[in-house]
Amino acid sequence: MAHNTVLDDSQISRVIEMAWEDRTPFAAIEYSYGCTEADVITVMRQQLKPSSFRLWRQRVTGRATKHQVKRSFVVGRAYCKTQYKPR
């Protein structure tokens, strides 16, 4: 991990979850957990079965939503209109 970041089991689980999400960029994972894209790849390689790791790599390689510099502003963030409205 970058900067000697040590993650506990729940944090590793969350990093894996965020890595699988299509609209969560690697920059968000780095901001939240201090893991660079290379660190996330290492975590995924260590924690997933080889076949699952290959599927994940195939899925995220070149995916614009996983790399902020490739994202257009149109993609934006997932947002529910009623998410912050009182009921």
PDB file of N, CA and C in Angstrom:
ATOM      1  N   MET A   1       0.828  -1.180   0.000  1.00  0.00           N
ATOM      2  CA  MET A   1       0.000   0.000   0.000  1.00  0.00           C
ATOM      3  C   MET A   1       0.874   1.245   0.000  1.00  0.00           C
ATOM      4  N   ALA A   2       0.348   2.291  -0.575  1.00  0.00           N
ATOM      5  CA  ALA A   2       1.075   3.552  -0.602  1.00  0.00           C
ATOM      6  C   ALA A   2       1.157   4.146   0.794  1.00  0.00           C
ATOM      7  N   HIS A   3       2.261   4.762   1.091  1.00  0.00           N
ATOM      8  CA  HIS A   3       2.447   5.451   2.367  1.00  0.00           C
ATOM      9  C   HIS A   3       2.242   4.523   3.561  1.00  0.00           C
ATOM     10  N   ASN A   4       2.615   3.275   3.412  1.00  0.00           N
ATOM     11  CA  ASN A   4       2.498   2.293   4.502  1.00  0.00           C
ATOM     12  C   ASN A   4       1.073   2.165   5.042  1.00  0.00           C
ATOM     13  N   THR A   5       0.095   2.281   4.179  1.00  0.00           N
ATOM     14  CA  THR A   5      -1.294   2.136   4.573  1.00  0.00           C
ATOM     15  C   THR A   5      -1.573   0.676   4.903  1.00  0.00           C
ATOM     16  N   VAL A   6      -2.103   0.438   6.083  1.00  0.00           N
ATOM     17  CA  VAL A   6      -2.494  -0.910   6.485  1.00  0.00           C
ATOM     18  C   VAL A   6      -4.011  -0.904   6.644  1.00  0.00           C
ATOM     19  N   LEU A   7      -4.669  -1.782   5.909  1.00  0.00           N
ATOM     20  CA  LEU A   7      -6.123  -1.846   5.954  1.00  0.00           C
ATOM     21  C   LEU A   7      -6.564  -3.051   6.763  1.00  0.00           C
ATOM     22  N   ASP A   8      -7.628  -2.856   7.560  1.00  0.00           N
ATOM     23  CA  ASP A   8      -8.189  -4.006   8.274  1.00  0.00           C
ATOM     24  C   ASP A   8      -9.153  -4.743   7.333  1.00  0.00           C
ATOM     25  N   ASP A   9      -9.697  -5.841   7.794  1.00  0.00           N
ATOM     26  CA  ASP A   9     -10.548  -6.682   6.945  1.00  0.00           C
ATOM     27  C   ASP A   9     -11.771  -5.935   6.409  1.00  0.00           C
ATOM     28  N   SER A  10     -12.395  -5.115   7.241  1.00  0.00           N
ATOM     29  CA  SER A  10     -13.584  -4.389   6.776  1.00  0.00           C
ATOM     30  C   SER A  10     -13.209  -3.341   5.730  1.00  0.00           C
ATOM     31  N   GLN A  11     -12.050  -2.715   5.876  1.00  0.00           N
ATOM     32  CA  GLN A  11     -11.604  -1.738   4.889  1.00  0.00           C
ATOM     33  C   GLN A  11     -11.243  -2.426   3.570  1.00  0.00           C
ATOM     34  N   ILE A  12     -10.593  -3.569   3.652  1.00  0.00           N
ATOM     35  CA  ILE A  12     -10.270  -4.321   2.437  1.00  0.00           C
ATOM     36  C   ILE A  12     -11.554  -4.725   1.723  1.00  0.00           C
ATOM     37  N   SER A  13     -12.547  -5.152   2.476  1.00  0.00           N
ATOM     38  CA  SER A  13     -13.835  -5.523   1.903  1.00  0.00           C
ATOM     39  C   SER A  13     -14.466  -4.340   1.182  1.00  0.00           C
ATOM     40  N   ARG A  14     -14.393  -3.168   1.789  1.00  0.00           N
ATOM     41  CA  ARG A  14     -14.975  -1.970   1.181  1.00  0.00           C
ATOM     42  C   ARG A  14     -14.199  -1.548  -0.067  1.00  0.00           C
ATOM     43  N   VAL A  15     -12.881  -1.659  -0.035  1.00  0.00           N
ATOM     44  CA  VAL A  15     -12.076  -1.337  -1.217  1.00  0.00           C
ATOM     45  C   VAL A  15     -12.464  -2.261  -2.369  1.00  0.00           C
ATOM     46  N   ILE A  16     -12.631  -3.545  -2.084  1.00  0.00           N
ATOM     47  CA  ILE A  16     -13.037  -4.504  -3.120  1.00  0.00           C
ATOM     48  C   ILE A  16     -14.413  -4.140  -3.665  1.00  0.00           C
ATOM     49  N   GLU A  17     -15.320  -3.814  -2.772  1.00  0.00           N
ATOM     50  CA  GLU A  17     -16.671  -3.421  -3.195  1.00  0.00           C
ATOM     51  C   GLU A  17     -16.625  -2.189  -4.090  1.00  0.00           C
ATOM     52  N   MET A  18     -15.857  -1.190  -3.685  1.00  0.00           N
ATOM     53  CA  MET A  18     -15.740   0.042  -4.477  1.00  0.00           C
ATOM     54  C   MET A  18     -15.073  -0.233  -5.826  1.00  0.00           C
ATOM     55  N   ALA A  19     -14.097  -1.138  -5.836  1.00  0.00           N
ATOM     56  CA  ALA A  19     -13.398  -1.465  -7.076  1.00  0.00           C
ATOM     57  C   ALA A  19     -14.338  -2.146  -8.078  1.00  0.00           C
ATOM     58  N   TRP A  20     -15.283  -2.940  -7.586  1.00  0.00           N
ATOM     59  CA  TRP A  20     -16.232  -3.613  -8.467  1.00  0.00           C
ATOM     60  C   TRP A  20     -17.304  -2.657  -8.994  1.00  0.00           C
ATOM     61  N   GLU A  21     -17.584  -1.580  -8.262  1.00  0.00           N
ATOM     62  CA  GLU A  21     -18.630  -0.643  -8.684  1.00  0.00           C
ATOM     63  C   GLU A  21     -18.184   0.098  -9.938  1.00  0.00           C
ATOM     64  N   ASP A  22     -19.041   0.147 -10.932  1.00  0.00           N
ATOM     65  CA  ASP A  22     -18.690   0.780 -12.199  1.00  0.00           C
ATOM     66  C   ASP A  22     -18.452   2.276 -12.080  1.00  0.00           C
ATOM     67  N   ARG A  23     -19.215   2.951 -11.264  1.00  0.00           N
ATOM     68  CA  ARG A  23     -19.143   4.410 -11.235  1.00  0.00           C
ATOM     69  C   ARG A  23     -18.256   4.970 -10.119  1.00  0.00           C
ATOM     70  N   THR A  24     -17.540   4.120  -9.423  1.00  0.00           N
ATOM     71  CA  THR A  24     -16.633   4.588  -8.382  1.00  0.00           C
ATOM     72  C   THR A  24     -15.235   4.671  -8.966  1.00  0.00           C
ATOM     73  N   PRO A  25     -14.711   5.873  -9.179  1.00  0.00           N
ATOM     74  CA  PRO A  25     -13.379   5.996  -9.769  1.00  0.00           C
ATOM     75  C   PRO A  25     -12.286   5.602  -8.776  1.00  0.00           C
ATOM     76  N   PHE A  26     -11.151   5.222  -9.314  1.00  0.00           N
ATOM     77  CA  PHE A  26     -10.017   4.865  -8.465  1.00  0.00           C
ATOM     78  C   PHE A  26      -9.610   6.038  -7.582  1.00  0.00           C
ATOM     79  N   ALA A  27      -9.811   7.260  -8.055  1.00  0.00           N
ATOM     80  CA  ALA A  27      -9.470   8.442  -7.259  1.00  0.00           C
ATOM     81  C   ALA A  27     -10.288   8.497  -5.968  1.00  0.00           C
ATOM     82  N   ALA A  28     -11.532   8.034  -6.010  1.00  0.00           N
ATOM     83  CA  ALA A  28     -12.372   8.013  -4.807  1.00  0.00           C
ATOM     84  C   ALA A  28     -11.843   6.997  -3.800  1.00  0.00           C
ATOM     85  N   ILE A  29     -11.352   5.868  -4.301  1.00  0.00           N
ATOM     86  CA  ILE A  29     -10.772   4.853  -3.419  1.00  0.00           C
ATOM     87  C   ILE A  29      -9.492   5.406  -2.792  1.00  0.00           C
ATOM     88  N   GLU A  30      -8.700   6.095  -3.596  1.00  0.00           N
ATOM     89  CA  GLU A  30      -7.461   6.675  -3.071  1.00  0.00           C
ATOM     90  C   GLU A  30      -7.762   7.738  -2.026  1.00  0.00           C
ATOM     91  N   TYR A  31      -8.765   8.553  -2.280  1.00  0.00           N
ATOM     92  CA  TYR A  31      -9.143   9.597  -1.330  1.00  0.00           C
ATOM     93  C   TYR A  31      -9.624   8.983  -0.013  1.00  0.00           C
ATOM     94  N   SER A  32     -10.420   7.925  -0.106  1.00  0.00           N
ATOM     95  CA  SER A  32     -11.006   7.321   1.090  1.00  0.00           C
ATOM     96  C   SER A  32     -10.036   6.433   1.869  1.00  0.00           C
ATOM     97  N   TYR A  33      -9.180   5.695   1.157  1.00  0.00           N
ATOM     98  CA  TYR A  33      -8.349   4.693   1.821  1.00  0.00           C
ATOM     99  C   TYR A  33      -6.854   4.839   1.562  1.00  0.00           C
ATOM    100  N   GLY A  34      -6.454   5.810   0.742  1.00  0.00           N
ATOM    101  CA  GLY A  34      -5.036   6.016   0.475  1.00  0.00           C
ATOM    102  C   GLY A  34      -4.428   4.965  -0.434  1.00  0.00           C
ATOM    103  N   CYS A  35      -5.252   4.251  -1.174  1.00  0.00           N
ATOM    104  CA  CYS A  35      -4.772   3.199  -2.075  1.00  0.00           C
ATOM    105  C   CYS A  35      -4.781   3.724  -3.509  1.00  0.00           C
ATOM    106  N   THR A  36      -3.623   3.709  -4.150  1.00  0.00           N
ATOM    107  CA  THR A  36      -3.551   4.101  -5.549  1.00  0.00           C
ATOM    108  C   THR A  36      -4.196   3.014  -6.407  1.00  0.00           C
ATOM    109  N   GLU A  37      -4.344   3.275  -7.693  1.00  0.00           N
ATOM    110  CA  GLU A  37      -4.895   2.269  -8.591  1.00  0.00           C
ATOM    111  C   GLU A  37      -4.047   0.994  -8.548  1.00  0.00           C
ATOM    112  N   ALA A  38      -2.733   1.149  -8.519  1.00  0.00           N
ATOM    113  CA  ALA A  38      -1.841  -0.019  -8.447  1.00  0.00           C
ATOM    114  C   ALA A  38      -2.055  -0.790  -7.141  1.00  0.00           C
ATOM    115  N   ASP A  39      -2.290  -0.058  -6.046  1.00  0.00           N
ATOM    116  CA  ASP A  39      -2.561  -0.717  -4.762  1.00  0.00           C
ATOM    117  C   ASP A  39      -3.865  -1.506  -4.822  1.00  0.00           C
ATOM    118  N   VAL A  40      -4.878  -0.916  -5.459  1.00  0.00           N
ATOM    119  CA  VAL A  40      -6.175  -1.593  -5.586  1.00  0.00           C
ATOM    120  C   VAL A  40      -6.004  -2.872  -6.404  1.00  0.00           C
ATOM    121  N   ILE A  41      -5.233  -2.795  -7.476  1.00  0.00           N
ATOM    122  CA  ILE A  41      -4.980  -3.976  -8.299  1.00  0.00           C
ATOM    123  C   ILE A  41      -4.305  -5.056  -7.464  1.00  0.00           C
ATOM    124  N   THR A  42      -3.341  -4.661  -6.633  1.00  0.00           N
ATOM    125  CA  THR A  42      -2.647  -5.614  -5.766  1.00  0.00           C
ATOM    126  C   THR A  42      -3.614  -6.257  -4.775  1.00  0.00           C
ATOM    127  N   VAL A  43      -4.470  -5.438  -4.155  1.00  0.00           N
ATOM    128  CA  VAL A  43      -5.458  -5.968  -3.209  1.00  0.00           C
ATOM    129  C   VAL A  43      -6.379  -6.955  -3.916  1.00  0.00           C
ATOM    130  N   MET A  44      -6.855  -6.576  -5.087  1.00  0.00           N
ATOM    131  CA  MET A  44      -7.767  -7.452  -5.822  1.00  0.00           C
ATOM    132  C   MET A  44      -7.065  -8.760  -6.200  1.00  0.00           C
ATOM    133  N   ARG A  45      -5.820  -8.674  -6.625  1.00  0.00           N
ATOM    134  CA  ARG A  45      -5.071  -9.873  -7.004  1.00  0.00           C
ATOM    135  C   ARG A  45      -4.894 -10.811  -5.800  1.00  0.00           C
ATOM    136  N   GLN A  46      -4.640 -10.234  -4.620  1.00  0.00           N
ATOM    137  CA  GLN A  46      -4.418 -11.030  -3.421  1.00  0.00           C
ATOM    138  C   GLN A  46      -5.701 -11.607  -2.832  1.00  0.00           C
ATOM    139  N   GLN A  47      -6.791 -10.867  -2.945  1.00  0.00           N
ATOM    140  CA  GLN A  47      -8.021 -11.251  -2.256  1.00  0.00           C
ATOM    141  C   GLN A  47      -9.001 -12.057  -3.105  1.00  0.00           C
ATOM    142  N   LEU A  48      -8.949 -11.917  -4.423  1.00  0.00           N
ATOM    143  CA  LEU A  48      -9.901 -12.617  -5.289  1.00  0.00           C
ATOM    144  C   LEU A  48      -9.309 -13.913  -5.818  1.00  0.00           C
ATOM    145  N   LYS A  49     -10.195 -14.803  -6.219  1.00  0.00           N
ATOM    146  CA  LYS A  49      -9.748 -16.000  -6.930  1.00  0.00           C
ATOM    147  C   LYS A  49      -9.167 -15.527  -8.264  1.00  0.00           C
ATOM    148  N   PRO A  50      -8.224 -16.274  -8.831  1.00  0.00           N
ATOM    149  CA  PRO A  50      -7.617 -15.846 -10.100  1.00  0.00           C
ATOM    150  C   PRO A  50      -8.640 -15.563 -11.202  1.00  0.00           C
ATOM    151  N   SER A  51      -9.668 -16.387 -11.316  1.00  0.00           N
ATOM    152  CA  SER A  51     -10.673 -16.168 -12.359  1.00  0.00           C
ATOM    153  C   SER A  51     -11.472 -14.893 -12.098  1.00  0.00           C
ATOM    154  N   SER A  52     -11.783 -14.625 -10.837  1.00  0.00           N
ATOM    155  CA  SER A  52     -12.509 -13.400 -10.494  1.00  0.00           C
ATOM    156  C   SER A  52     -11.648 -12.173 -10.749  1.00  0.00           C
ATOM    157  N   PHE A  53     -10.366 -12.275 -10.432  1.00  0.00           N
ATOM    158  CA  PHE A  53      -9.448 -11.168 -10.693  1.00  0.00           C
ATOM    159  C   PHE A  53      -9.382 -10.883 -12.188  1.00  0.00           C
ATOM    160  N   ARG A  54      -9.279 -11.907 -13.021  1.00  0.00           N
ATOM    161  CA  ARG A  54      -9.222 -11.703 -14.474  1.00  0.00           C
ATOM    162  C   ARG A  54     -10.506 -11.045 -14.981  1.00  0.00           C
ATOM    163  N   LEU A  55     -11.657 -11.476 -14.470  1.00  0.00           N
ATOM    164  CA  LEU A  55     -12.930 -10.861 -14.868  1.00  0.00           C
ATOM    165  C   LEU A  55     -12.973  -9.384 -14.475  1.00  0.00           C
ATOM    166  N   TRP A  56     -12.511  -9.094 -13.266  1.00  0.00           N
ATOM    167  CA  TRP A  56     -12.507  -7.705 -12.798  1.00  0.00           C
ATOM    168  C   TRP A  56     -11.583  -6.853 -13.663  1.00  0.00           C
ATOM    169  N   ARG A  57     -10.370  -7.338 -13.937  1.00  0.00           N
ATOM    170  CA  ARG A  57      -9.415  -6.577 -14.752  1.00  0.00           C
ATOM    171  C   ARG A  57      -9.986  -6.319 -16.135  1.00  0.00           C
ATOM    172  N   GLN A  58     -10.615  -7.330 -16.701  1.00  0.00           N
ATOM    173  CA  GLN A  58     -11.218  -7.173 -18.022  1.00  0.00           C
ATOM    174  C   GLN A  58     -12.324  -6.114 -17.972  1.00  0.00           C
ATOM    175  N   ARG A  59     -13.069  -6.116 -16.895  1.00  0.00           N
ATOM    176  CA  ARG A  59     -14.184  -5.187 -16.740  1.00  0.00           C
ATOM    177  C   ARG A  59     -13.724  -3.742 -16.586  1.00  0.00           C
ATOM    178  N   VAL A  60     -12.674  -3.492 -15.811  1.00  0.00           N
ATOM    179  CA  VAL A  60     -12.276  -2.109 -15.522  1.00  0.00           C
ATOM    180  C   VAL A  60     -11.230  -1.548 -16.474  1.00  0.00           C
ATOM    181  N   THR A  61     -10.553  -2.394 -17.222  1.00  0.00           N
ATOM    182  CA  THR A  61      -9.521  -1.910 -18.126  1.00  0.00           C
ATOM    183  C   THR A  61     -10.144  -1.002 -19.182  1.00  0.00           C
ATOM    184  N   GLY A  62      -9.722   0.232 -19.173  1.00  0.00           N
ATOM    185  CA  GLY A  62     -10.210   1.191 -20.152  1.00  0.00           C
ATOM    186  C   GLY A  62     -11.588   1.767 -19.868  1.00  0.00           C
ATOM    187  N   ARG A  63     -12.229   1.348 -18.793  1.00  0.00           N
ATOM    188  CA  ARG A  63     -13.564   1.843 -18.465  1.00  0.00           C
ATOM    189  C   ARG A  63     -13.462   3.304 -18.040  1.00  0.00           C
ATOM    190  N   ALA A  64     -14.125   4.169 -18.766  1.00  0.00           N
ATOM    191  CA  ALA A  64     -14.025   5.603 -18.512  1.00  0.00           C
ATOM    192  C   ALA A  64     -14.522   5.986 -17.125  1.00  0.00           C
ATOM    193  N   THR A  65     -15.523   5.296 -16.611  1.00  0.00           N
ATOM    194  CA  THR A  65     -16.077   5.681 -15.313  1.00  0.00           C
ATOM    195  C   THR A  65     -15.161   5.326 -14.155  1.00  0.00           C
ATOM    196  N   LYS A  66     -14.169   4.468 -14.368  1.00  0.00           N
ATOM    197  CA  LYS A  66     -13.243   4.100 -13.302  1.00  0.00           C
ATOM    198  C   LYS A  66     -12.040   5.043 -13.244  1.00  0.00           C
ATOM    199  N   HIS A  67     -11.869   5.856 -14.264  1.00  0.00           N
ATOM    200  CA  HIS A  67     -10.725   6.757 -14.330  1.00  0.00           C
ATOM    201  C   HIS A  67     -11.243   8.181 -14.504  1.00  0.00           C
ATOM    202  N   GLN A  68     -11.086   9.008 -13.488  1.00  0.00           N
ATOM    203  CA  GLN A  68     -11.667  10.346 -13.517  1.00  0.00           C
ATOM    204  C   GLN A  68     -11.222  11.168 -14.715  1.00  0.00           C
ATOM    205  N   VAL A  69      -9.981  11.029 -15.146  1.00  0.00           N
ATOM    206  CA  VAL A  69      -9.531  11.831 -16.275  1.00  0.00           C
ATOM    207  C   VAL A  69     -10.227  11.427 -17.563  1.00  0.00           C
ATOM    208  N   LYS A  70     -10.784  10.232 -17.624  1.00  0.00           N
ATOM    209  CA  LYS A  70     -11.505   9.769 -18.812  1.00  0.00           C
ATOM    210  C   LYS A  70     -12.998  10.037 -18.722  1.00  0.00           C
ATOM    211  N   ARG A  71     -13.475  10.431 -17.540  1.00  0.00           N
ATOM    212  CA  ARG A  71     -14.905  10.663 -17.345  1.00  0.00           C
ATOM    213  C   ARG A  71     -15.302  12.020 -17.881  1.00  0.00           C
ATOM    214  N   SER A  72     -16.417  12.059 -18.571  1.00  0.00           N
ATOM    215  CA  SER A  72     -16.963  13.354 -18.946  1.00  0.00           C
ATOM    216  C   SER A  72     -17.861  13.813 -17.806  1.00  0.00           C
ATOM    217  N   PHE A  73     -18.096  15.079 -17.711  1.00  0.00           N
ATOM    218  CA  PHE A  73     -18.934  15.605 -16.642  1.00  0.00           C
ATOM    219  C   PHE A  73     -20.351  15.072 -16.751  1.00  0.00           C
ATOM    220  N   VAL A  74     -20.774  14.686 -17.933  1.00  0.00           N
ATOM    221  CA  VAL A  74     -22.124  14.181 -18.161  1.00  0.00           C
ATOM    222  C   VAL A  74     -22.388  12.941 -17.318  1.00  0.00           C
ATOM    223  N   VAL A  75     -21.369  12.107 -17.108  1.00  0.00           N
ATOM    224  CA  VAL A  75     -21.549  10.883 -16.327  1.00  0.00           C
ATOM    225  C   VAL A  75     -22.010  11.237 -14.930  1.00  0.00           C
ATOM    226  N   GLY A  76     -21.377  12.249 -14.336  1.00  0.00           N
ATOM    227  CA  GLY A  76     -21.782  12.711 -13.016  1.00  0.00           C
ATOM    228  C   GLY A  76     -21.730  11.625 -11.966  1.00  0.00           C
ATOM    229  N   ARG A  77     -22.561  11.774 -10.956  1.00  0.00           N
ATOM    230  CA  ARG A  77     -22.618  10.811  -9.867  1.00  0.00           C
ATOM    231  C   ARG A  77     -24.012  10.218  -9.819  1.00  0.00           C
ATOM    232  N   ALA A  78     -24.099   9.039  -9.277  1.00  0.00           N
ATOM    233  CA  ALA A  78     -25.407   8.432  -9.087  1.00  0.00           C
ATOM    234  C   ALA A  78     -26.146   9.249  -8.038  1.00  0.00           C
ATOM    235  N   TYR A  79     -27.368   9.641  -8.314  1.00  0.00           N
ATOM    236  CA  TYR A  79     -28.102  10.489  -7.392  1.00  0.00           C
ATOM    237  C   TYR A  79     -29.585  10.203  -7.532  1.00  0.00           C
ATOM    238  N   CYS A  80     -30.218   9.993  -6.436  1.00  0.00           N
ATOM    239  CA  CYS A  80     -31.659   9.786  -6.403  1.00  0.00           C
ATOM    240  C   CYS A  80     -32.315  11.120  -6.045  1.00  0.00           C
ATOM    241  N   LYS A  81     -33.307  11.557  -6.804  1.00  0.00           N
ATOM    242  CA  LYS A  81     -33.941  12.854  -6.577  1.00  0.00           C
ATOM    243  C   LYS A  81     -34.504  12.996  -5.164  1.00  0.00           C
ATOM    244  N   THR A  82     -34.950  11.892  -4.603  1.00  0.00           N
ATOM    245  CA  THR A  82     -35.569  11.962  -3.277  1.00  0.00           C
ATOM    246  C   THR A  82     -34.579  11.642  -2.152  1.00  0.00           C
ATOM    247  N   GLN A  83     -33.329  11.467  -2.499  1.00  0.00           N
ATOM    248  CA  GLN A  83     -32.353  11.033  -1.512  1.00  0.00           C
ATOM    249  C   GLN A  83     -32.219  11.991  -0.328  1.00  0.00           C
ATOM    250  N   TYR A  84     -32.213  13.268  -0.589  1.00  0.00           N
ATOM    251  CA  TYR A  84     -31.993  14.244   0.478  1.00  0.00           C
ATOM    252  C   TYR A  84     -33.225  15.079   0.805  1.00  0.00           C
ATOM    253  N   LYS A  85     -34.373  14.665   0.294  1.00  0.00           N
ATOM    254  CA  LYS A  85     -35.592  15.404   0.560  1.00  0.00           C
ATOM    255  C   LYS A  85     -36.323  14.816   1.751  1.00  0.00           C
ATOM    256  N   PRO A  86     -36.825  15.673   2.627  1.00  0.00           N
ATOM    257  CA  PRO A  86     -37.610  15.150   3.758  1.00  0.00           C
ATOM    258  C   PRO A  86     -38.917  14.540   3.257  1.00  0.00           C
ATOM    259  N   ARG A  87     -39.352  13.515   3.929  1.00  0.00           N
ATOM    260  CA  ARG A  87     -40.612  12.866   3.513  1.00  0.00           C
ATOM    261  C   ARG A  87     -41.710  13.204   4.463  1.00  0.00           C
TER     262      ARG A  87
END
